[in-house]
Amino acid sequence: MANIVLGCDSNGVNDSGCMDTVAKILEQAGNNVEKLDIAPGPFANYSYSSKAQGKIGVYLMADSIVSIADLAFGNTNFKYAYFGIRGDIGLPRMSTMSDFQNNPIGRDPDCTSVCDKLAGKTYPQMNEIVKNKCNIVFGTTPTELGNNIVKAMGGETSSDGSSSSSLSPIKTCIKELLYPWNGDVYCYLRDDTIHIGRIPSPTNTKLSLIEGDNVYYDGISVTDIDPNIPNKLIVNWGGKQLVLKDDERIKRFGVKKKTITSNLKSEKSVTDFAYREWNKLLKDSGRVLECRVNGSPKWRIGNWVRVYIPSFNLNGYMYLTKVSHEDRSVWDTGLTLTDYPPDLGEEPQETNTDTSDSTSDTSSSSSSSSSSSSSSSSSSSSSSSSSSSSSSSSSSSRSSGSSNGLILRAI
């Protein structure tokens, strides 16, 4: 639960109704909402006051940059802010998502030189510049805008029955279509977009959970791994052997070995293939990490996270499946992570699910960036780092594919 300060510019088009709709959606997502008077001044003044400390600002407005630049580059006190660009005002230059994504925004006449940092850029380009202080989202209606703000915060929105029932057949069709590549592709919903792509290498992530650094120790909960999951993988290739293993699990449960053969030629290709297969072995591991960290919008579902929590034998990569924000005395973010992205469901009865070809294709192109495992000896050493439970497991979970992604997902 976050404490949100909601402001709205005076645009002369359903300003009060838009603000009330967004406030209701934010409250339904579990937040406390304080509404300001409709005008630019109240929100700007609040952002510079000590009252803004520890709170999240949300400001609804037409296409403009002055308020964004003022908050992003001024000495403001919100711990984070979201700007909602309204597509319901009737301005032809900013009425669709395509306008939001592609139209450059000019400098406001009343803005100082600080606006020069953003002038002439699209809102997605601005987001890259101001992402440490705020985030800009869009909605064609007040309801869509409110839902997009909640999703940008990492929360979940509720939909009415008709919407949910109409989406259900689409989700089913997407999952059935993807099932032949189950374990090789990801599929998730984020920011009103269904994302589908080949599972990327987890080692490319910039997110990390480090014990003693950014994880609240008293908030850690780990569901233990299935003891029958293989804990040693041997890859035979070109007369050589590459070995990945989890020494901790071997010590606890004894050796559970799997041996496979690869026809790949280069050491890097074999290494990537091995890590992909190692991670894939953990798809049904059952291991779940729940923890709390300092609040930040960077935590979003569908991302890999480097995990190092030695007190719980976690040292590798895990996949972020759930994010929730709470505002206690400080802004907290709750995270749920698994060893591998969620399964695509049960095998469709009328679908041919022979995946041997797609498995070999995806594995050979996978780019797990663990450079440590070279051949037999270096693979053993890298396996010990992957062995620390969730690290290698999560590596397996998304390391299987390349980083290119289509856009699609069903939850």
Protein backbone atom coordinates (compact mmCIF):
# COMPACT_ATOMS: atom_id res chain seq x y z
CA MET A 1 0.00 0.00 0.00
CA ALA A 2 1.40 3.39 -1.05
CA ASN A 3 0.47 6.91 0.02
CA ILE A 4 -0.33 8.72 -3.21
CA VAL A 5 -0.81 12.44 -3.80
CA LEU A 6 -3.02 12.90 -6.88
CA GLY A 7 -3.08 16.15 -8.85
CA CYS A 8 -4.70 17.15 -12.12
CA ASP A 9 -4.12 20.03 -14.51
CA SER A 10 -7.06 22.27 -15.42
CA ASN A 11 -7.65 21.19 -19.02
CA GLY A 12 -11.33 22.09 -19.15
CA VAL A 13 -12.47 18.62 -20.28
CA ASN A 14 -13.91 16.33 -17.58
CA ASP A 15 -11.03 17.15 -15.24
CA SER A 16 -12.94 16.30 -12.08
CA GLY A 17 -14.39 13.10 -13.55
CA CYS A 18 -10.99 11.94 -14.78
CA MET A 19 -9.40 12.62 -11.41
CA ASP A 20 -12.17 10.79 -9.53
CA THR A 21 -11.91 7.75 -11.83
CA VAL A 22 -8.13 7.50 -11.46
CA ALA A 23 -8.38 7.99 -7.68
CA LYS A 24 -10.89 5.14 -7.42
CA ILE A 25 -8.66 2.79 -9.44
CA LEU A 26 -5.62 3.66 -7.32
CA GLU A 27 -7.63 3.01 -4.13
CA GLN A 28 -8.96 -0.31 -5.48
CA ALA A 29 -5.32 -1.31 -6.00
CA GLY A 30 -4.80 -0.88 -2.24
CA ASN A 31 -3.36 2.64 -2.09
CA ASN A 32 -4.22 5.64 0.06
CA VAL A 33 -5.03 8.61 -2.19
CA GLU A 34 -4.92 12.30 -1.25
CA LYS A 35 -6.53 14.48 -3.95
CA LEU A 36 -5.35 18.04 -4.56
CA ASP A 37 -7.21 20.94 -6.14
CA ILE A 38 -7.43 20.84 -9.93
CA ALA A 39 -4.71 23.19 -11.18
CA PRO A 40 -0.96 22.91 -11.83
CA GLY A 41 0.06 24.94 -8.80
CA PRO A 42 -1.08 22.65 -5.96
CA PHE A 43 0.85 19.61 -7.24
CA ALA A 44 4.01 21.60 -7.99
CA ASN A 45 3.94 23.29 -4.58
CA TYR A 46 3.34 19.97 -2.82
CA SER A 47 6.27 18.33 -4.62
CA TYR A 48 8.68 20.91 -3.18
CA SER A 49 7.27 20.74 0.36
CA SER A 50 8.42 18.44 3.14
CA LYS A 51 4.95 16.82 3.08
CA ALA A 52 5.92 15.02 -0.15
CA GLN A 53 8.68 13.04 1.52
CA GLY A 54 8.00 9.31 1.45
CA LYS A 55 4.97 9.70 -0.85
CA ILE A 56 4.27 8.97 -4.51
CA GLY A 57 3.05 11.77 -6.74
CA VAL A 58 0.60 11.22 -9.60
CA TYR A 59 -0.26 14.09 -11.94
CA LEU A 60 -2.82 13.98 -14.77
CA MET A 61 -2.32 16.37 -17.67
CA ALA A 62 -2.43 17.05 -21.40
CA ASP A 63 0.68 16.63 -23.53
CA SER A 64 3.31 18.90 -22.04
CA ILE A 65 6.79 18.73 -20.54
CA VAL A 66 7.01 21.60 -18.06
CA SER A 67 5.65 19.68 -15.05
CA ILE A 68 7.77 16.64 -15.87
CA ALA A 69 10.96 18.67 -16.22
CA ASP A 70 10.20 20.61 -13.04
CA LEU A 71 9.83 17.45 -10.98
CA ALA A 72 12.63 15.48 -12.63
CA PHE A 73 15.29 18.19 -12.47
CA GLY A 74 14.09 20.29 -9.55
CA ASN A 75 14.78 19.76 -5.87
CA THR A 76 11.48 17.94 -5.35
CA ASN A 77 10.66 15.59 -2.49
CA PHE A 78 8.37 12.85 -3.81
CA LYS A 79 10.14 9.52 -3.59
CA TYR A 80 8.74 8.82 -7.07
CA ALA A 81 6.13 10.27 -9.40
CA TYR A 82 3.93 9.21 -12.31
CA PHE A 83 2.61 11.53 -15.00
CA GLY A 84 -0.59 10.44 -16.72
CA ILE A 85 -0.97 11.88 -20.22
CA ARG A 86 -4.67 12.16 -21.02
CA GLY A 87 -5.88 10.98 -24.41
CA ASP A 88 -9.50 11.85 -23.61
CA ILE A 89 -9.13 15.63 -23.95
CA GLY A 90 -9.69 15.62 -27.72
CA LEU A 91 -6.32 16.92 -28.87
CA PRO A 92 -5.58 15.36 -32.30
CA ARG A 93 -1.83 15.32 -31.66
CA MET A 94 -2.20 13.17 -28.50
CA SER A 95 -5.27 10.94 -28.69
CA THR A 96 -3.85 7.46 -29.35
CA MET A 97 -1.10 5.23 -27.99
CA SER A 98 0.71 5.68 -31.30
CA ASP A 99 0.71 9.46 -30.72
CA PHE A 100 2.14 8.92 -27.24
CA GLN A 101 4.88 6.65 -28.49
CA ASN A 102 5.87 8.53 -31.65
CA ASN A 103 5.03 12.25 -31.47
CA PRO A 104 7.81 14.57 -30.27
CA ILE A 105 6.68 17.11 -27.65
CA GLY A 106 7.69 20.73 -28.06
CA ARG A 107 8.92 23.14 -25.43
CA ASP A 108 6.20 24.81 -23.32
CA PRO A 109 6.11 28.61 -23.75
CA ASP A 110 6.20 29.16 -19.98
CA CYS A 111 9.05 26.72 -19.30
CA THR A 112 12.57 27.68 -18.34
CA SER A 113 15.74 26.28 -19.89
CA VAL A 114 15.27 23.09 -17.87
CA CYS A 115 12.75 21.99 -20.51
CA ASP A 116 15.50 21.92 -23.12
CA LYS A 117 16.54 18.52 -21.77
CA LEU A 118 13.20 17.04 -22.87
CA ALA A 119 11.98 19.27 -25.70
CA GLY A 120 11.62 17.59 -29.09
CA LYS A 121 11.59 14.07 -27.64
CA THR A 122 8.82 11.49 -27.50
CA TYR A 123 7.48 10.41 -24.13
CA PRO A 124 9.22 7.00 -24.28
CA GLN A 125 12.50 8.84 -24.95
CA MET A 126 11.80 11.14 -22.00
CA ASN A 127 11.20 8.12 -19.78
CA GLU A 128 14.76 7.01 -20.40
CA ILE A 129 16.02 10.39 -19.22
CA VAL A 130 13.81 10.87 -16.14
CA LYS A 131 13.36 7.24 -15.06
CA ASN A 132 15.16 7.74 -11.74
CA LYS A 133 12.63 10.33 -10.62
CA CYS A 134 9.40 9.63 -12.50
CA ASN A 135 7.58 7.69 -15.19
CA ILE A 136 5.19 8.88 -17.92
CA VAL A 137 2.19 6.78 -19.00
CA PHE A 138 -0.80 7.28 -21.29
CA GLY A 139 -4.47 6.38 -21.46
CA THR A 140 -7.18 7.09 -24.04
CA THR A 141 -9.82 7.11 -21.28
CA PRO A 142 -9.65 7.91 -17.55
CA THR A 143 -10.16 4.22 -16.76
CA GLU A 144 -7.36 3.11 -19.07
CA LEU A 145 -5.12 5.85 -17.71
CA GLY A 146 -5.75 4.80 -14.09
CA ASN A 147 -5.10 1.15 -14.89
CA ASN A 148 -1.89 2.00 -16.75
CA ILE A 149 -0.62 4.03 -13.80
CA VAL A 150 -1.30 1.11 -11.45
CA LYS A 151 0.51 -1.27 -13.80
CA ALA A 152 3.45 1.12 -14.10
CA MET A 153 3.67 0.98 -10.30
CA GLY A 154 3.93 -2.80 -10.54
CA GLY A 155 0.41 -3.46 -9.25
CA GLU A 156 -2.50 -5.39 -10.68
CA THR A 157 -5.83 -4.03 -11.87
CA SER A 158 -9.23 -5.63 -11.78
CA SER A 159 -11.35 -5.95 -14.86
CA ASP A 160 -15.07 -6.35 -15.15
CA GLY A 161 -16.71 -9.66 -16.00
CA SER A 162 -17.33 -8.87 -19.65
CA SER A 163 -13.72 -7.91 -20.24
CA SER A 164 -12.40 -10.96 -18.45
CA SER A 165 -14.74 -13.36 -20.21
CA SER A 166 -13.91 -11.92 -23.62
CA LEU A 167 -10.17 -12.29 -22.97
CA SER A 168 -10.40 -15.84 -21.68
CA PRO A 169 -10.74 -17.54 -25.11
CA ILE A 170 -7.85 -15.41 -26.38
CA LYS A 171 -5.62 -16.54 -23.52
CA THR A 172 -6.55 -20.15 -24.16
CA CYS A 173 -5.79 -19.87 -27.88
CA ILE A 174 -2.44 -18.19 -27.25
CA LYS A 175 -1.38 -20.84 -24.75
CA GLU A 176 -2.41 -23.68 -27.07
CA LEU A 177 -0.55 -22.04 -29.94
CA LEU A 178 2.61 -21.70 -27.85
CA TYR A 179 2.48 -25.07 -26.10
CA PRO A 180 4.78 -26.89 -28.56
CA TRP A 181 7.49 -24.47 -27.32
CA ASN A 182 6.60 -24.81 -23.66
CA GLY A 183 9.77 -24.16 -21.67
CA ASP A 184 11.42 -22.37 -24.58
CA VAL A 185 9.26 -19.24 -24.73
CA TYR A 186 7.86 -16.75 -22.23
CA CYS A 187 4.38 -15.32 -22.22
CA TYR A 188 3.22 -12.61 -19.80
CA LEU A 189 0.96 -9.55 -19.58
CA ARG A 190 2.42 -6.18 -18.62
CA ASP A 191 1.17 -2.65 -19.26
CA ASP A 192 -1.76 -3.77 -21.43
CA THR A 193 0.61 -5.67 -23.73
CA ILE A 194 0.93 -9.41 -24.14
CA HIS A 195 4.65 -10.21 -24.39
CA ILE A 196 5.80 -13.38 -26.12
CA GLY A 197 9.35 -14.26 -27.04
CA ARG A 198 12.11 -16.80 -26.70
CA ILE A 199 13.38 -17.00 -23.15
CA PRO A 200 16.39 -14.66 -22.88
CA SER A 201 19.60 -15.29 -21.06
CA PRO A 202 19.14 -14.46 -17.37
CA THR A 203 22.76 -13.39 -17.12
CA ASN A 204 21.96 -10.21 -19.05
CA THR A 205 19.78 -8.83 -16.26
CA LYS A 206 20.69 -5.62 -14.42
CA LEU A 207 18.47 -6.44 -11.43
CA SER A 208 19.91 -8.06 -8.33
CA LEU A 209 18.85 -9.20 -4.86
CA ILE A 210 21.83 -9.27 -2.53
CA GLU A 211 21.69 -10.37 1.11
CA GLY A 212 22.97 -7.58 3.34
CA ASP A 213 22.45 -5.03 0.58
CA ASN A 214 18.88 -4.56 -0.64
CA VAL A 215 16.89 -7.50 0.78
CA TYR A 216 15.03 -7.25 4.11
CA TYR A 217 16.28 -10.37 5.86
CA ASP A 218 13.20 -10.77 8.08
CA GLY A 219 10.96 -10.77 5.01
CA ILE A 220 12.56 -13.72 3.20
CA SER A 221 10.55 -16.89 2.67
CA VAL A 222 11.72 -19.81 0.52
CA THR A 223 9.67 -22.80 -0.58
CA ASP A 224 12.18 -25.63 -0.84
CA ILE A 225 13.11 -27.31 -4.08
CA ASP A 226 11.83 -30.72 -5.18
CA PRO A 227 14.60 -33.19 -4.13
CA ASN A 228 14.06 -35.27 -7.28
CA ILE A 229 15.08 -32.49 -9.66
CA PRO A 230 18.42 -33.40 -11.33
CA ASN A 231 21.34 -31.70 -9.62
CA LYS A 232 24.09 -32.72 -12.04
CA LEU A 233 24.09 -32.29 -15.81
CA ILE A 234 26.71 -33.85 -18.08
CA VAL A 235 26.91 -32.63 -21.69
CA ASN A 236 28.97 -34.78 -24.08
CA TRP A 237 30.23 -32.94 -27.17
CA GLY A 238 33.11 -33.40 -29.61
CA GLY A 239 34.87 -35.96 -27.41
CA LYS A 240 34.70 -33.61 -24.40
CA GLN A 241 32.46 -33.24 -21.37
CA LEU A 242 30.91 -30.19 -19.80
CA VAL A 243 29.54 -30.64 -16.28
CA LEU A 244 27.13 -28.43 -14.36
CA LYS A 245 26.19 -29.37 -10.82
CA ASP A 246 24.66 -28.06 -7.61
CA ASP A 247 26.90 -29.14 -4.74
CA GLU A 248 24.43 -28.02 -2.08
CA ARG A 249 21.65 -30.19 -3.45
CA ILE A 250 24.03 -33.09 -4.04
CA LYS A 251 25.05 -32.86 -0.39
CA ARG A 252 21.40 -32.85 0.72
CA PHE A 253 19.78 -35.32 -1.66
CA GLY A 254 22.57 -37.33 -3.31
CA VAL A 255 23.48 -37.21 -6.98
CA LYS A 256 20.54 -36.92 -9.41
CA LYS A 257 22.32 -37.05 -12.76
CA LYS A 258 21.23 -36.37 -16.33
CA THR A 259 23.47 -36.89 -19.38
CA ILE A 260 22.82 -35.42 -22.81
CA THR A 261 24.79 -35.21 -26.06
CA SER A 262 25.21 -32.12 -28.22
CA ASN A 263 26.27 -31.94 -31.87
CA LEU A 264 27.24 -28.29 -31.55
CA LYS A 265 30.78 -27.41 -32.58
CA SER A 266 31.93 -24.33 -30.68
CA GLU A 267 32.63 -24.18 -26.96
CA LYS A 268 30.47 -21.08 -26.51
CA SER A 269 27.49 -22.66 -28.26
CA VAL A 270 27.82 -25.78 -26.13
CA THR A 271 28.15 -23.70 -22.97
CA ASP A 272 25.02 -21.69 -23.81
CA PHE A 273 23.18 -24.90 -24.65
CA ALA A 274 24.29 -26.52 -21.39
CA TYR A 275 23.12 -23.61 -19.23
CA ARG A 276 19.82 -23.51 -21.07
CA GLU A 277 19.25 -27.20 -20.45
CA TRP A 278 20.41 -26.88 -16.83
CA ASN A 279 17.92 -24.10 -16.25
CA LYS A 280 15.20 -26.00 -18.03
CA LEU A 281 15.67 -28.92 -15.66
CA LEU A 282 14.51 -26.58 -12.88
CA LYS A 283 11.25 -25.66 -14.63
CA ASP A 284 9.23 -27.83 -12.25
CA SER A 285 11.47 -27.35 -9.23
CA GLY A 286 8.68 -25.90 -7.08
CA ARG A 287 11.11 -23.47 -5.46
CA VAL A 288 9.66 -20.03 -4.71
CA LEU A 289 11.42 -17.03 -3.16
CA GLU A 290 9.35 -14.31 -1.50
CA CYS A 291 11.10 -11.24 -0.13
CA ARG A 292 10.84 -7.52 0.43
CA VAL A 293 13.12 -4.78 -0.85
CA ASN A 294 13.26 -1.00 -0.94
CA GLY A 295 10.49 0.35 -3.12
CA SER A 296 11.29 1.06 -6.77
CA PRO A 297 9.43 0.95 -10.09
CA LYS A 298 12.32 -1.06 -11.59
CA TRP A 299 10.83 -4.27 -10.13
CA ARG A 300 8.47 -5.57 -12.81
CA ILE A 301 7.16 -9.01 -13.63
CA GLY A 302 8.77 -10.79 -16.55
CA ASN A 303 12.35 -9.91 -15.59
CA TRP A 304 15.26 -12.05 -14.49
CA VAL A 305 16.98 -11.14 -11.23
CA ARG A 306 20.46 -12.07 -10.02
CA VAL A 307 19.93 -13.57 -6.56
CA TYR A 308 22.60 -13.95 -3.90
CA ILE A 309 21.13 -14.91 -0.52
CA PRO A 310 23.63 -17.41 0.92
CA SER A 311 21.71 -17.87 4.18
CA PHE A 312 19.06 -19.63 2.09
CA ASN A 313 21.49 -21.31 -0.35
CA LEU A 314 20.43 -19.02 -3.20
CA ASN A 315 23.11 -17.90 -5.61
CA GLY A 316 22.06 -17.45 -9.19
CA TYR A 317 19.14 -16.21 -11.26
CA MET A 318 15.41 -16.29 -10.61
CA TYR A 319 12.39 -15.08 -12.56
CA LEU A 320 10.12 -12.33 -11.24
CA THR A 321 6.48 -13.47 -11.30
CA LYS A 322 4.75 -11.06 -8.91
CA VAL A 323 5.33 -7.52 -7.60
CA SER A 324 3.39 -5.66 -4.91
CA HIS A 325 4.06 -2.24 -3.42
CA GLU A 326 3.33 -1.20 0.16
CA ASP A 327 3.91 2.04 1.95
CA ARG A 328 4.64 1.53 5.63
CA SER A 329 7.11 3.90 7.27
CA VAL A 330 9.09 3.50 4.03
CA TRP A 331 8.16 2.37 0.54
CA ASP A 332 8.44 -1.42 0.38
CA THR A 333 8.17 -3.70 -2.63
CA GLY A 334 7.23 -7.35 -2.24
CA LEU A 335 8.68 -9.77 -4.79
CA THR A 336 7.85 -13.35 -5.73
CA LEU A 337 10.41 -15.25 -7.83
CA THR A 338 10.64 -18.76 -9.24
CA ASP A 339 13.39 -20.79 -10.88
CA TYR A 340 11.72 -20.66 -14.26
CA PRO A 341 8.97 -18.65 -15.95
CA PRO A 342 5.42 -19.94 -15.40
CA ASP A 343 4.37 -23.01 -17.33
CA LEU A 344 2.04 -22.52 -20.30
CA GLY A 345 -0.52 -24.87 -18.78
CA GLU A 346 -1.67 -28.35 -19.70
CA GLU A 347 -0.92 -29.93 -23.03
CA PRO A 348 -3.82 -29.31 -25.46
CA GLN A 349 -5.48 -32.62 -26.27
CA GLU A 350 -5.68 -31.99 -30.00
CA THR A 351 -2.26 -30.45 -30.44
CA ASN A 352 0.86 -32.28 -31.60
CA THR A 353 3.39 -31.47 -28.89
CA ASP A 354 6.51 -33.07 -30.31
CA THR A 355 9.05 -30.37 -29.44
CA SER A 356 12.30 -32.07 -30.36
CA ASP A 357 13.02 -29.76 -33.32
CA SER A 358 12.10 -26.56 -31.54
CA THR A 359 14.14 -27.56 -28.50
CA SER A 360 17.29 -28.04 -30.46
CA ASP A 361 16.73 -24.81 -32.41
CA THR A 362 16.15 -22.70 -29.33
CA SER A 363 18.93 -24.27 -27.34
CA SER A 364 21.55 -23.73 -29.96
CA SER A 365 20.65 -20.04 -30.21
CA SER A 366 20.37 -19.45 -26.51
CA SER A 367 22.77 -16.89 -25.13
CA SER A 368 23.40 -17.61 -21.50
CA SER A 369 26.24 -15.26 -20.76
CA SER A 370 27.90 -17.34 -18.09
CA SER A 371 31.33 -17.29 -19.51
CA SER A 372 32.80 -19.24 -16.66
CA SER A 373 32.09 -22.71 -17.92
CA SER A 374 34.47 -23.54 -20.68
CA SER A 375 34.87 -27.22 -20.94
CA SER A 376 34.86 -29.90 -18.37
CA SER A 377 36.81 -28.22 -15.58
CA SER A 378 35.54 -24.69 -16.05
CA SER A 379 32.04 -26.02 -16.37
CA SER A 380 32.30 -27.65 -12.98
CA SER A 381 33.37 -24.44 -11.40
CA SER A 382 30.61 -22.45 -13.04
CA SER A 383 28.20 -25.14 -12.03
CA SER A 384 29.07 -24.63 -8.41
CA SER A 385 28.07 -21.00 -8.76
CA SER A 386 24.91 -22.05 -10.51
CA SER A 387 24.50 -24.71 -7.92
CA SER A 388 23.54 -22.31 -5.27
CA SER A 389 20.00 -23.18 -5.69
CA SER A 390 17.97 -20.60 -7.38
CA SER A 391 20.73 -18.95 -9.24
CA SER A 392 21.36 -21.63 -11.70
CA SER A 393 17.79 -22.59 -11.67
CA SER A 394 16.61 -19.25 -12.68
CA SER A 395 19.35 -19.08 -15.15
CA SER A 396 17.81 -22.11 -16.63
CA SER A 397 14.48 -20.63 -16.56
CA ARG A 398 15.00 -17.85 -18.99
CA SER A 399 18.46 -18.47 -20.19
CA SER A 400 17.11 -20.81 -22.74
CA GLY A 401 16.29 -18.27 -25.37
CA SER A 402 17.70 -15.30 -27.08
CA SER A 403 16.90 -11.81 -25.97
CA ASN A 404 14.72 -10.90 -28.91
CA GLY A 405 11.04 -10.82 -28.05
CA LEU A 406 7.76 -10.56 -29.86
CA ILE A 407 4.97 -8.83 -28.06
CA LEU A 408 2.26 -11.01 -26.53
CA ARG A 409 1.37 -12.62 -23.22
CA ALA A 410 -1.40 -14.24 -21.25
CA ILE A 411 -1.60 -14.59 -17.49
